[in-house]
Amino acid sequence: MLKILGRNNSSNVQKVLWALGELDLEYTRDDIGGPFGGNREADYLVMNPNGLVPTLIDGDTVLWESNVIVRYLARKYAPNSLLPDSLTDLARAEQWMDWQQTVVAPAHFPVFWGLIRTAPEDRDLDAINNGRDRFEQVMTILDHHLSDSAFVGGESLSMADIPVGIMVYRWFTLDIERMELPSLHRWYQRLADRPAYKNNVMIGLT
């Protein structure tokens, strides 16, 4: 059986849990990282030398890096659903997945950390406000892309939706001012209707 090592309030762990939910795969999960610790233990570092979460164990296969794990699950277990059919569509899906990691996550981080993980008296409001502006910029890019398709990769859910779908929950849940982004909002509502998203992503921010 598949095993996931990582706490379920981690955005990176949530990517994997959401993918597993969409694929209806059985798995076990151990709380690792954050307040649970364990990610700096020697036996964990053998599997994941970065000491981060998640880590996937699938038989003799051990993987880290959340987007890589989502790609692996899509290729192995969902070649006709989460994995795009054509080389071009696959490349475009991976483009949006990597964009989440390199652009969206850093943009959202000052806002998330400042509002969720920092005591009110210690907050850097300038950093939070600047982060909100940058977060809005990247969400505007995604809104424009979604103006002519139901999902990030086309007319059905694919692995392209998963990393950015985690971020859009935070966009709509954080206590910030938000401009109207109608295409983004329609896509978010489609995600929110999916049980795997609701059960693994829409669980509050901590």
N, C-alpha and C. Protein backbone atom coordinates (compact mmCIF):
# COMPACT_ATOMS: atom_id res chain seq x y z
N MET A 1 0.84 -1.20 0.00
CA MET A 1 0.00 0.00 0.00
C MET A 1 0.88 1.25 0.00
N LEU A 2 0.41 2.27 -0.67
CA LEU A 2 1.12 3.55 -0.68
C LEU A 2 1.18 4.14 0.72
N LYS A 3 2.29 4.82 1.01
CA LYS A 3 2.43 5.48 2.30
C LYS A 3 2.92 6.90 2.08
N ILE A 4 2.28 7.84 2.76
CA ILE A 4 2.64 9.26 2.69
C ILE A 4 3.18 9.68 4.04
N LEU A 5 4.32 10.33 4.03
CA LEU A 5 4.90 10.89 5.24
C LEU A 5 4.77 12.41 5.16
N GLY A 6 3.97 12.98 6.05
CA GLY A 6 3.79 14.43 6.04
C GLY A 6 2.47 14.83 6.68
N ARG A 7 2.46 15.99 7.30
CA ARG A 7 1.28 16.52 7.99
C ARG A 7 0.27 17.04 6.95
N ASN A 8 -1.00 16.87 7.22
CA ASN A 8 -2.00 17.18 6.20
C ASN A 8 -2.30 18.66 6.05
N ASN A 9 -1.73 19.53 6.91
CA ASN A 9 -1.95 20.97 6.71
C ASN A 9 -0.85 21.60 5.86
N SER A 10 0.09 20.81 5.39
CA SER A 10 1.12 21.30 4.47
C SER A 10 0.54 21.38 3.06
N SER A 11 0.73 22.51 2.40
CA SER A 11 0.22 22.64 1.03
C SER A 11 0.83 21.60 0.11
N ASN A 12 2.09 21.27 0.32
CA ASN A 12 2.74 20.29 -0.54
C ASN A 12 2.22 18.88 -0.30
N VAL A 13 1.95 18.55 0.94
CA VAL A 13 1.33 17.25 1.24
C VAL A 13 -0.08 17.20 0.66
N GLN A 14 -0.80 18.30 0.73
CA GLN A 14 -2.17 18.33 0.22
C GLN A 14 -2.23 18.04 -1.28
N LYS A 15 -1.23 18.46 -2.03
CA LYS A 15 -1.21 18.12 -3.45
C LYS A 15 -1.30 16.61 -3.65
N VAL A 16 -0.49 15.90 -2.90
CA VAL A 16 -0.42 14.45 -3.03
C VAL A 16 -1.72 13.80 -2.54
N LEU A 17 -2.23 14.27 -1.41
CA LEU A 17 -3.47 13.70 -0.87
C LEU A 17 -4.64 13.94 -1.81
N TRP A 18 -4.70 15.12 -2.40
CA TRP A 18 -5.77 15.40 -3.36
C TRP A 18 -5.67 14.47 -4.56
N ALA A 19 -4.46 14.31 -5.10
CA ALA A 19 -4.27 13.41 -6.24
C ALA A 19 -4.69 11.99 -5.88
N LEU A 20 -4.29 11.53 -4.72
CA LEU A 20 -4.67 10.19 -4.28
C LEU A 20 -6.19 10.06 -4.16
N GLY A 21 -6.83 11.12 -3.66
CA GLY A 21 -8.28 11.11 -3.54
C GLY A 21 -8.97 11.04 -4.89
N GLU A 22 -8.47 11.80 -5.86
CA GLU A 22 -9.06 11.76 -7.20
C GLU A 22 -8.92 10.38 -7.82
N LEU A 23 -7.82 9.70 -7.51
CA LEU A 23 -7.56 8.38 -8.09
C LEU A 23 -8.18 7.25 -7.28
N ASP A 24 -8.76 7.61 -6.13
CA ASP A 24 -9.39 6.62 -5.25
C ASP A 24 -8.40 5.52 -4.86
N LEU A 25 -7.18 5.92 -4.55
CA LEU A 25 -6.13 4.97 -4.15
C LEU A 25 -6.08 4.86 -2.64
N GLU A 26 -5.88 3.67 -2.16
CA GLU A 26 -5.71 3.47 -0.72
C GLU A 26 -4.28 3.83 -0.31
N TYR A 27 -4.15 4.40 0.87
CA TYR A 27 -2.84 4.77 1.37
C TYR A 27 -2.90 4.93 2.88
N THR A 28 -1.74 4.96 3.48
CA THR A 28 -1.63 5.33 4.88
C THR A 28 -0.79 6.60 4.96
N ARG A 29 -0.94 7.33 6.06
CA ARG A 29 -0.19 8.58 6.21
C ARG A 29 0.27 8.72 7.65
N ASP A 30 1.52 9.15 7.81
CA ASP A 30 2.07 9.46 9.12
C ASP A 30 2.29 10.96 9.23
N ASP A 31 1.91 11.55 10.35
CA ASP A 31 2.17 12.97 10.59
C ASP A 31 3.66 13.19 10.81
N ILE A 32 4.26 13.92 9.90
CA ILE A 32 5.68 14.26 9.98
C ILE A 32 5.81 15.74 9.67
N GLY A 33 6.74 16.42 10.34
CA GLY A 33 7.01 17.81 10.05
C GLY A 33 6.20 18.76 10.91
N GLY A 34 6.60 20.02 10.91
CA GLY A 34 5.90 21.02 11.71
C GLY A 34 5.89 20.63 13.17
N PRO A 35 4.76 20.76 13.85
CA PRO A 35 4.70 20.45 15.29
C PRO A 35 4.91 18.98 15.60
N PHE A 36 4.80 18.11 14.60
CA PHE A 36 4.96 16.68 14.83
C PHE A 36 6.43 16.26 14.81
N GLY A 37 7.28 17.06 14.16
CA GLY A 37 8.69 16.71 14.08
C GLY A 37 8.92 15.45 13.26
N GLY A 38 10.07 14.83 13.49
CA GLY A 38 10.42 13.60 12.80
C GLY A 38 11.13 13.78 11.49
N ASN A 39 11.05 14.98 10.90
CA ASN A 39 11.64 15.19 9.59
C ASN A 39 13.14 15.45 9.63
N ARG A 40 13.72 15.56 10.84
CA ARG A 40 15.17 15.72 10.96
C ARG A 40 15.81 14.46 11.54
N GLU A 41 15.00 13.43 11.72
CA GLU A 41 15.54 12.17 12.22
C GLU A 41 16.36 11.49 11.13
N ALA A 42 17.38 10.74 11.56
CA ALA A 42 18.31 10.14 10.60
C ALA A 42 17.61 9.22 9.61
N ASP A 43 16.66 8.42 10.09
CA ASP A 43 16.01 7.48 9.17
C ASP A 43 15.12 8.20 8.16
N TYR A 44 14.57 9.35 8.55
CA TYR A 44 13.79 10.12 7.58
C TYR A 44 14.71 10.78 6.55
N LEU A 45 15.84 11.30 7.01
CA LEU A 45 16.76 11.98 6.10
C LEU A 45 17.38 11.03 5.08
N VAL A 46 17.44 9.75 5.40
CA VAL A 46 17.88 8.78 4.41
C VAL A 46 16.91 8.75 3.23
N MET A 47 15.63 8.87 3.52
CA MET A 47 14.61 8.86 2.47
C MET A 47 14.48 10.21 1.79
N ASN A 48 14.56 11.27 2.57
CA ASN A 48 14.35 12.63 2.07
C ASN A 48 15.43 13.52 2.66
N PRO A 49 16.57 13.66 1.98
CA PRO A 49 17.72 14.37 2.56
C PRO A 49 17.46 15.85 2.83
N ASN A 50 16.40 16.40 2.25
CA ASN A 50 16.06 17.80 2.52
C ASN A 50 15.35 17.98 3.85
N GLY A 51 14.84 16.90 4.41
CA GLY A 51 14.10 17.00 5.66
C GLY A 51 12.77 17.71 5.52
N LEU A 52 12.18 17.64 4.33
CA LEU A 52 10.90 18.31 4.07
C LEU A 52 9.81 17.27 3.86
N VAL A 53 8.59 17.72 3.73
CA VAL A 53 7.46 16.83 3.43
C VAL A 53 6.79 17.31 2.14
N PRO A 54 6.19 16.38 1.39
CA PRO A 54 5.95 14.98 1.70
C PRO A 54 7.05 14.06 1.19
N THR A 55 6.98 12.82 1.66
CA THR A 55 7.72 11.71 1.07
C THR A 55 6.71 10.62 0.74
N LEU A 56 6.85 10.04 -0.44
CA LEU A 56 5.99 8.93 -0.87
C LEU A 56 6.78 7.64 -0.85
N ILE A 57 6.19 6.60 -0.28
CA ILE A 57 6.76 5.26 -0.34
C ILE A 57 5.78 4.38 -1.10
N ASP A 58 6.22 3.84 -2.22
CA ASP A 58 5.41 2.96 -3.06
C ASP A 58 6.23 1.70 -3.32
N GLY A 59 6.12 0.72 -2.43
CA GLY A 59 6.97 -0.46 -2.54
C GLY A 59 8.42 -0.08 -2.34
N ASP A 60 9.25 -0.36 -3.33
CA ASP A 60 10.67 -0.02 -3.26
C ASP A 60 10.95 1.39 -3.75
N THR A 61 9.94 2.08 -4.23
CA THR A 61 10.11 3.44 -4.75
C THR A 61 9.87 4.45 -3.64
N VAL A 62 10.85 5.32 -3.43
CA VAL A 62 10.73 6.41 -2.46
C VAL A 62 10.96 7.72 -3.20
N LEU A 63 10.01 8.64 -3.09
CA LEU A 63 10.09 9.91 -3.82
C LEU A 63 9.83 11.07 -2.89
N TRP A 64 10.48 12.20 -3.17
CA TRP A 64 10.17 13.47 -2.53
C TRP A 64 10.01 14.51 -3.62
N GLU A 65 9.61 15.71 -3.24
CA GLU A 65 9.18 16.80 -4.13
C GLU A 65 7.74 16.55 -4.56
N SER A 66 6.85 17.39 -4.07
CA SER A 66 5.41 17.15 -4.22
C SER A 66 4.95 17.09 -5.67
N ASN A 67 5.43 17.99 -6.51
CA ASN A 67 4.98 17.97 -7.90
C ASN A 67 5.47 16.72 -8.63
N VAL A 68 6.66 16.27 -8.28
CA VAL A 68 7.17 15.02 -8.86
C VAL A 68 6.29 13.85 -8.45
N ILE A 69 5.88 13.83 -7.19
CA ILE A 69 5.01 12.75 -6.71
C ILE A 69 3.67 12.77 -7.45
N VAL A 70 3.10 13.95 -7.65
CA VAL A 70 1.84 14.04 -8.41
C VAL A 70 2.03 13.52 -9.82
N ARG A 71 3.13 13.90 -10.47
CA ARG A 71 3.41 13.40 -11.82
C ARG A 71 3.54 11.87 -11.82
N TYR A 72 4.24 11.34 -10.85
CA TYR A 72 4.43 9.90 -10.74
C TYR A 72 3.09 9.19 -10.59
N LEU A 73 2.25 9.68 -9.70
CA LEU A 73 0.94 9.05 -9.49
C LEU A 73 0.10 9.11 -10.76
N ALA A 74 0.15 10.25 -11.45
CA ALA A 74 -0.62 10.39 -12.68
C ALA A 74 -0.14 9.41 -13.75
N ARG A 75 1.18 9.28 -13.88
CA ARG A 75 1.73 8.39 -14.91
C ARG A 75 1.46 6.92 -14.58
N LYS A 76 1.61 6.56 -13.32
CA LYS A 76 1.49 5.15 -12.94
C LYS A 76 0.04 4.70 -12.78
N TYR A 77 -0.78 5.56 -12.20
CA TYR A 77 -2.12 5.13 -11.81
C TYR A 77 -3.25 5.80 -12.58
N ALA A 78 -2.95 6.83 -13.37
CA ALA A 78 -4.04 7.57 -14.03
C ALA A 78 -3.67 8.01 -15.44
N PRO A 79 -3.19 7.08 -16.26
CA PRO A 79 -2.79 7.50 -17.61
C PRO A 79 -3.94 8.01 -18.46
N ASN A 80 -5.17 7.69 -18.08
CA ASN A 80 -6.33 8.13 -18.87
C ASN A 80 -7.17 9.18 -18.17
N SER A 81 -6.65 9.75 -17.07
CA SER A 81 -7.44 10.78 -16.38
C SER A 81 -6.57 11.98 -16.04
N LEU A 82 -5.79 11.91 -14.98
CA LEU A 82 -4.99 13.07 -14.58
C LEU A 82 -3.84 13.35 -15.53
N LEU A 83 -3.38 12.35 -16.25
CA LEU A 83 -2.24 12.53 -17.16
C LEU A 83 -2.74 12.94 -18.54
N PRO A 84 -2.30 14.11 -19.04
CA PRO A 84 -2.72 14.54 -20.38
C PRO A 84 -2.27 13.55 -21.45
N ASP A 85 -3.02 13.50 -22.55
CA ASP A 85 -2.78 12.51 -23.60
C ASP A 85 -1.60 12.85 -24.49
N SER A 86 -1.52 14.08 -24.94
CA SER A 86 -0.51 14.44 -25.95
C SER A 86 0.73 15.02 -25.30
N LEU A 87 1.83 14.98 -26.03
CA LEU A 87 3.08 15.54 -25.54
C LEU A 87 2.94 17.03 -25.27
N THR A 88 2.22 17.73 -26.16
CA THR A 88 2.03 19.17 -25.98
C THR A 88 1.22 19.47 -24.73
N ASP A 89 0.12 18.74 -24.55
CA ASP A 89 -0.71 18.97 -23.36
C ASP A 89 0.03 18.60 -22.08
N LEU A 90 0.86 17.56 -22.16
CA LEU A 90 1.66 17.18 -21.00
C LEU A 90 2.65 18.27 -20.64
N ALA A 91 3.31 18.83 -21.65
CA ALA A 91 4.27 19.90 -21.40
C ALA A 91 3.58 21.13 -20.82
N ARG A 92 2.40 21.44 -21.32
CA ARG A 92 1.67 22.61 -20.80
C ARG A 92 1.22 22.37 -19.36
N ALA A 93 0.81 21.15 -19.06
CA ALA A 93 0.44 20.84 -17.67
C ALA A 93 1.63 21.01 -16.75
N GLU A 94 2.78 20.50 -17.17
CA GLU A 94 3.98 20.62 -16.34
C GLU A 94 4.42 22.08 -16.22
N GLN A 95 4.16 22.86 -17.27
CA GLN A 95 4.46 24.29 -17.21
C GLN A 95 3.71 24.96 -16.06
N TRP A 96 2.41 24.68 -15.93
CA TRP A 96 1.62 25.29 -14.87
C TRP A 96 1.98 24.72 -13.50
N MET A 97 2.35 23.46 -13.46
CA MET A 97 2.79 22.87 -12.19
C MET A 97 4.08 23.54 -11.70
N ASP A 98 5.01 23.73 -12.62
CA ASP A 98 6.27 24.37 -12.24
C ASP A 98 6.06 25.84 -11.91
N TRP A 99 5.13 26.48 -12.60
CA TRP A 99 4.81 27.89 -12.32
C TRP A 99 4.31 28.04 -10.89
N GLN A 100 3.51 27.10 -10.43
CA GLN A 100 3.07 27.16 -9.03
C GLN A 100 4.25 27.15 -8.09
N GLN A 101 5.21 26.29 -8.37
CA GLN A 101 6.33 26.12 -7.46
C GLN A 101 7.27 27.31 -7.47
N THR A 102 7.50 27.88 -8.65
CA THR A 102 8.51 28.93 -8.77
C THR A 102 7.95 30.35 -8.67
N VAL A 103 6.66 30.53 -8.95
CA VAL A 103 6.08 31.88 -8.98
C VAL A 103 4.97 32.05 -7.94
N VAL A 104 3.99 31.16 -7.95
CA VAL A 104 2.82 31.37 -7.08
C VAL A 104 3.16 31.15 -5.61
N ALA A 105 3.83 30.05 -5.31
CA ALA A 105 4.15 29.76 -3.91
C ALA A 105 4.97 30.87 -3.26
N PRO A 106 6.04 31.36 -3.90
CA PRO A 106 6.78 32.47 -3.29
C PRO A 106 5.95 33.74 -3.16
N ALA A 107 5.03 33.98 -4.10
CA ALA A 107 4.19 35.18 -4.02
C ALA A 107 3.24 35.11 -2.84
N HIS A 108 2.68 33.95 -2.59
CA HIS A 108 1.69 33.82 -1.52
C HIS A 108 2.32 33.70 -0.14
N PHE A 109 3.58 33.29 -0.08
CA PHE A 109 4.19 32.93 1.21
C PHE A 109 4.17 34.07 2.23
N PRO A 110 4.56 35.31 1.88
CA PRO A 110 4.55 36.36 2.91
C PRO A 110 3.16 36.62 3.49
N VAL A 111 2.13 36.44 2.67
CA VAL A 111 0.76 36.66 3.14
C VAL A 111 0.35 35.52 4.07
N PHE A 112 0.56 34.31 3.61
CA PHE A 112 0.18 33.15 4.43
C PHE A 112 0.93 33.14 5.75
N TRP A 113 2.25 33.30 5.68
CA TRP A 113 3.05 33.24 6.90
C TRP A 113 2.71 34.40 7.84
N GLY A 114 2.52 35.57 7.25
CA GLY A 114 2.24 36.74 8.07
C GLY A 114 0.90 36.68 8.77
N LEU A 115 -0.13 36.14 8.09
CA LEU A 115 -1.47 36.12 8.67
C LEU A 115 -1.80 34.85 9.44
N ILE A 116 -1.19 33.74 9.07
CA ILE A 116 -1.56 32.46 9.68
C ILE A 116 -0.52 31.98 10.69
N ARG A 117 0.74 32.18 10.40
CA ARG A 117 1.79 31.60 11.24
C ARG A 117 2.49 32.64 12.13
N THR A 118 2.03 33.88 12.11
CA THR A 118 2.68 34.94 12.88
C THR A 118 1.66 35.59 13.82
N ALA A 119 2.05 35.79 15.05
CA ALA A 119 1.17 36.46 16.02
C ALA A 119 0.87 37.88 15.55
N PRO A 120 -0.35 38.39 15.79
CA PRO A 120 -0.72 39.72 15.31
C PRO A 120 0.27 40.81 15.68
N GLU A 121 0.80 40.77 16.89
CA GLU A 121 1.71 41.83 17.33
C GLU A 121 3.07 41.76 16.64
N ASP A 122 3.37 40.65 15.98
CA ASP A 122 4.67 40.49 15.32
C ASP A 122 4.58 40.61 13.80
N ARG A 123 3.42 40.92 13.27
CA ARG A 123 3.25 40.92 11.82
C ARG A 123 3.94 42.11 11.16
N ASP A 124 4.54 41.84 10.00
CA ASP A 124 5.12 42.88 9.15
C ASP A 124 4.07 43.23 8.10
N LEU A 125 3.31 44.29 8.37
CA LEU A 125 2.17 44.62 7.50
C LEU A 125 2.62 45.03 6.11
N ASP A 126 3.77 45.68 6.00
CA ASP A 126 4.27 46.05 4.67
C ASP A 126 4.56 44.79 3.85
N ALA A 127 5.19 43.82 4.47
CA ALA A 127 5.49 42.57 3.76
C ALA A 127 4.20 41.85 3.36
N ILE A 128 3.22 41.85 4.26
CA ILE A 128 1.94 41.20 3.96
C ILE A 128 1.24 41.90 2.80
N ASN A 129 1.20 43.23 2.84
CA ASN A 129 0.51 43.98 1.79
C ASN A 129 1.22 43.86 0.45
N ASN A 130 2.54 43.90 0.47
CA ASN A 130 3.30 43.72 -0.77
C ASN A 130 3.09 42.31 -1.32
N GLY A 131 3.06 41.34 -0.42
CA GLY A 131 2.81 39.97 -0.84
C GLY A 131 1.42 39.80 -1.42
N ARG A 132 0.44 40.46 -0.82
CA ARG A 132 -0.93 40.39 -1.35
C ARG A 132 -0.98 40.92 -2.77
N ASP A 133 -0.28 42.04 -3.02
CA ASP A 133 -0.27 42.61 -4.36
C ASP A 133 0.34 41.64 -5.37
N ARG A 134 1.43 41.00 -4.98
CA ARG A 134 2.08 40.04 -5.88
C ARG A 134 1.21 38.81 -6.07
N PHE A 135 0.59 38.35 -5.00
CA PHE A 135 -0.32 37.21 -5.08
C PHE A 135 -1.46 37.52 -6.04
N GLU A 136 -1.99 38.72 -5.96
CA GLU A 136 -3.07 39.13 -6.87
C GLU A 136 -2.59 39.14 -8.32
N GLN A 137 -1.38 39.60 -8.55
CA GLN A 137 -0.84 39.62 -9.91
C GLN A 137 -0.81 38.22 -10.53
N VAL A 138 -0.34 37.26 -9.75
CA VAL A 138 -0.24 35.91 -10.32
C VAL A 138 -1.61 35.26 -10.45
N MET A 139 -2.53 35.57 -9.54
CA MET A 139 -3.89 35.05 -9.69
C MET A 139 -4.57 35.66 -10.91
N THR A 140 -4.22 36.88 -11.26
CA THR A 140 -4.76 37.51 -12.47
C THR A 140 -4.29 36.77 -13.71
N ILE A 141 -3.04 36.33 -13.71
CA ILE A 141 -2.53 35.53 -14.83
C ILE A 141 -3.34 34.25 -14.97
N LEU A 142 -3.60 33.59 -13.86
CA LEU A 142 -4.36 32.35 -13.89
C LEU A 142 -5.81 32.60 -14.32
N ASP A 143 -6.40 33.69 -13.84
CA ASP A 143 -7.77 34.05 -14.24
C ASP A 143 -7.86 34.23 -15.75
N HIS A 144 -6.89 34.91 -16.32
CA HIS A 144 -6.89 35.13 -17.77
C HIS A 144 -6.78 33.80 -18.51
N HIS A 145 -5.92 32.92 -18.03
CA HIS A 145 -5.75 31.62 -18.67
C HIS A 145 -7.05 30.81 -18.63
N LEU A 146 -7.79 30.92 -17.53
CA LEU A 146 -9.00 30.13 -17.35
C LEU A 146 -10.23 30.72 -18.05
N SER A 147 -10.05 31.84 -18.72
CA SER A 147 -11.20 32.51 -19.33
C SER A 147 -11.82 31.70 -20.47
N ASP A 148 -11.05 30.77 -21.05
CA ASP A 148 -11.61 29.99 -22.16
C ASP A 148 -11.48 28.48 -21.95
N SER A 149 -11.34 28.06 -20.69
CA SER A 149 -11.33 26.63 -20.41
C SER A 149 -11.86 26.38 -19.01
N ALA A 150 -12.43 25.20 -18.81
CA ALA A 150 -13.01 24.88 -17.50
C ALA A 150 -11.96 24.58 -16.45
N PHE A 151 -10.84 24.01 -16.90
CA PHE A 151 -9.76 23.65 -15.98
C PHE A 151 -8.44 24.13 -16.56
N VAL A 152 -7.39 24.03 -15.78
CA VAL A 152 -6.10 24.59 -16.20
C VAL A 152 -5.59 23.92 -17.46
N GLY A 153 -5.80 22.61 -17.56
CA GLY A 153 -5.29 21.88 -18.72
C GLY A 153 -6.30 21.66 -19.82
N GLY A 154 -7.49 22.23 -19.70
CA GLY A 154 -8.50 22.03 -20.73
C GLY A 154 -9.89 21.90 -20.13
N GLU A 155 -10.66 20.95 -20.64
CA GLU A 155 -12.06 20.83 -20.23
C GLU A 155 -12.29 19.78 -19.15
N SER A 156 -11.23 19.15 -18.68
CA SER A 156 -11.37 18.19 -17.59
C SER A 156 -10.20 18.35 -16.63
N LEU A 157 -10.41 17.91 -15.40
CA LEU A 157 -9.36 18.01 -14.39
C LEU A 157 -8.15 17.17 -14.81
N SER A 158 -6.97 17.73 -14.58
CA SER A 158 -5.73 16.99 -14.84
C SER A 158 -4.73 17.35 -13.76
N MET A 159 -3.55 16.77 -13.85
CA MET A 159 -2.52 17.07 -12.87
C MET A 159 -2.14 18.54 -12.88
N ALA A 160 -2.44 19.25 -13.98
CA ALA A 160 -2.14 20.68 -14.06
C ALA A 160 -2.88 21.48 -13.01
N ASP A 161 -4.07 21.02 -12.63
CA ASP A 161 -4.90 21.77 -11.68
C ASP A 161 -4.42 21.65 -10.24
N ILE A 162 -3.71 20.59 -9.93
CA ILE A 162 -3.49 20.26 -8.52
C ILE A 162 -2.60 21.26 -7.80
N PRO A 163 -1.39 21.57 -8.27
CA PRO A 163 -0.58 22.52 -7.50
C PRO A 163 -1.21 23.91 -7.38
N VAL A 164 -1.74 24.43 -8.49
CA VAL A 164 -2.34 25.77 -8.42
C VAL A 164 -3.68 25.75 -7.69
N GLY A 165 -4.35 24.59 -7.72
CA GLY A 165 -5.61 24.48 -6.98
C GLY A 165 -5.42 24.60 -5.48
N ILE A 166 -4.28 24.15 -4.99
CA ILE A 166 -3.96 24.33 -3.57
C ILE A 166 -3.83 25.81 -3.25
N MET A 167 -3.17 26.54 -4.15
CA MET A 167 -2.94 27.96 -3.91
C MET A 167 -4.22 28.78 -4.00
N VAL A 168 -5.14 28.38 -4.88
CA VAL A 168 -6.36 29.19 -5.02
C VAL A 168 -7.25 29.05 -3.79
N TYR A 169 -7.20 27.92 -3.11
CA TYR A 169 -7.93 27.82 -1.84
C TYR A 169 -7.40 28.85 -0.85
N ARG A 170 -6.10 29.01 -0.82
CA ARG A 170 -5.51 30.00 0.10
C ARG A 170 -5.88 31.42 -0.33
N TRP A 171 -5.92 31.67 -1.62
CA TRP A 171 -6.31 32.99 -2.12
C TRP A 171 -7.71 33.36 -1.64
N PHE A 172 -8.64 32.42 -1.71
CA PHE A 172 -10.01 32.72 -1.33
C PHE A 172 -10.28 32.57 0.17
N THR A 173 -9.34 32.04 0.92
CA THR A 173 -9.56 31.80 2.35
C THR A 173 -8.83 32.80 3.24
N LEU A 174 -7.68 33.28 2.82
CA LEU A 174 -6.94 34.26 3.61
C LEU A 174 -7.76 35.54 3.78
N ASP A 175 -7.60 36.18 4.90
CA ASP A 175 -8.33 37.40 5.22
C ASP A 175 -7.66 38.60 4.56
N ILE A 176 -7.89 38.74 3.25
CA ILE A 176 -7.28 39.81 2.47
C ILE A 176 -8.33 40.38 1.52
N GLU A 177 -8.04 41.57 1.01
CA GLU A 177 -8.88 42.14 -0.05
C GLU A 177 -8.57 41.42 -1.36
N ARG A 178 -9.61 41.12 -2.11
CA ARG A 178 -9.44 40.41 -3.38
C ARG A 178 -10.22 41.12 -4.47
N MET A 179 -9.58 41.32 -5.61
CA MET A 179 -10.28 41.86 -6.76
C MET A 179 -11.15 40.76 -7.37
N GLU A 180 -12.14 41.16 -8.15
CA GLU A 180 -13.01 40.20 -8.82
C GLU A 180 -12.24 39.52 -9.95
N LEU A 181 -12.14 38.22 -9.87
CA LEU A 181 -11.51 37.41 -10.91
C LEU A 181 -12.50 36.30 -11.27
N PRO A 182 -13.43 36.58 -12.17
CA PRO A 182 -14.57 35.68 -12.37
C PRO A 182 -14.20 34.29 -12.88
N SER A 183 -13.25 34.21 -13.78
CA SER A 183 -12.87 32.90 -14.30
C SER A 183 -12.20 32.06 -13.22
N LEU A 184 -11.37 32.71 -12.43
CA LEU A 184 -10.71 32.02 -11.32
C LEU A 184 -11.76 31.51 -10.32
N HIS A 185 -12.75 32.35 -10.04
CA HIS A 185 -13.78 31.97 -9.08
C HIS A 185 -14.62 30.81 -9.59
N ARG A 186 -14.95 30.79 -10.87
CA ARG A 186 -15.72 29.67 -11.43
C ARG A 186 -14.93 28.37 -11.34
N TRP A 187 -13.64 28.45 -11.63
CA TRP A 187 -12.79 27.26 -11.53
C TRP A 187 -12.71 26.78 -10.09
N TYR A 188 -12.55 27.71 -9.17
CA TYR A 188 -12.50 27.35 -7.75
C TYR A 188 -13.78 26.65 -7.32
N GLN A 189 -14.92 27.12 -7.80
CA GLN A 189 -16.18 26.47 -7.46
C GLN A 189 -16.25 25.05 -8.02
N ARG A 190 -15.70 24.86 -9.21
CA ARG A 190 -15.65 23.50 -9.77
C ARG A 190 -14.79 22.60 -8.89
N LEU A 191 -13.66 23.12 -8.43
CA LEU A 191 -12.81 22.32 -7.54
C LEU A 191 -13.52 22.02 -6.23
N ALA A 192 -14.19 23.03 -5.68
CA ALA A 192 -14.85 22.88 -4.38
C ALA A 192 -15.97 21.84 -4.43
N ASP A 193 -16.49 21.56 -5.61
CA ASP A 193 -17.53 20.54 -5.76
C ASP A 193 -16.97 19.12 -5.77
N ARG A 194 -15.65 19.00 -5.83
CA ARG A 194 -15.03 17.67 -5.91
C ARG A 194 -14.74 17.17 -4.49
N PRO A 195 -15.21 15.99 -4.14
CA PRO A 195 -14.98 15.48 -2.78
C PRO A 195 -13.51 15.40 -2.39
N ALA A 196 -12.65 15.01 -3.33
CA ALA A 196 -11.23 14.87 -2.99
C ALA A 196 -10.60 16.21 -2.65
N TYR A 197 -11.06 17.27 -3.29
CA TYR A 197 -10.57 18.61 -2.99
C TYR A 197 -11.12 19.09 -1.66
N LYS A 198 -12.41 18.89 -1.48
CA LYS A 198 -13.06 19.34 -0.24
C LYS A 198 -12.46 18.65 0.98
N ASN A 199 -12.18 17.36 0.86
CA ASN A 199 -11.73 16.59 2.01
C ASN A 199 -10.25 16.76 2.33
N ASN A 200 -9.45 17.13 1.33
CA ASN A 200 -8.00 17.18 1.54
C ASN A 200 -7.40 18.57 1.46
N VAL A 201 -8.13 19.52 0.90
CA VAL A 201 -7.60 20.87 0.74
C VAL A 201 -8.39 21.89 1.56
N MET A 202 -9.69 21.79 1.53
CA MET A 202 -10.54 22.79 2.19
C MET A 202 -10.73 22.45 3.67
N ILE A 203 -9.62 22.41 4.38
CA ILE A 203 -9.65 21.96 5.78
C ILE A 203 -9.19 23.07 6.73
N GLY A 204 -9.20 24.31 6.26
CA GLY A 204 -8.73 25.41 7.09
C GLY A 204 -7.24 25.64 6.93
N LEU A 205 -6.79 26.77 7.40
CA LEU A 205 -5.37 27.14 7.30
C LEU A 205 -4.77 27.21 8.69
N THR A 206 -3.68 26.48 8.88
CA THR A 206 -2.99 26.49 10.17
C THR A 206 -1.49 26.48 9.94
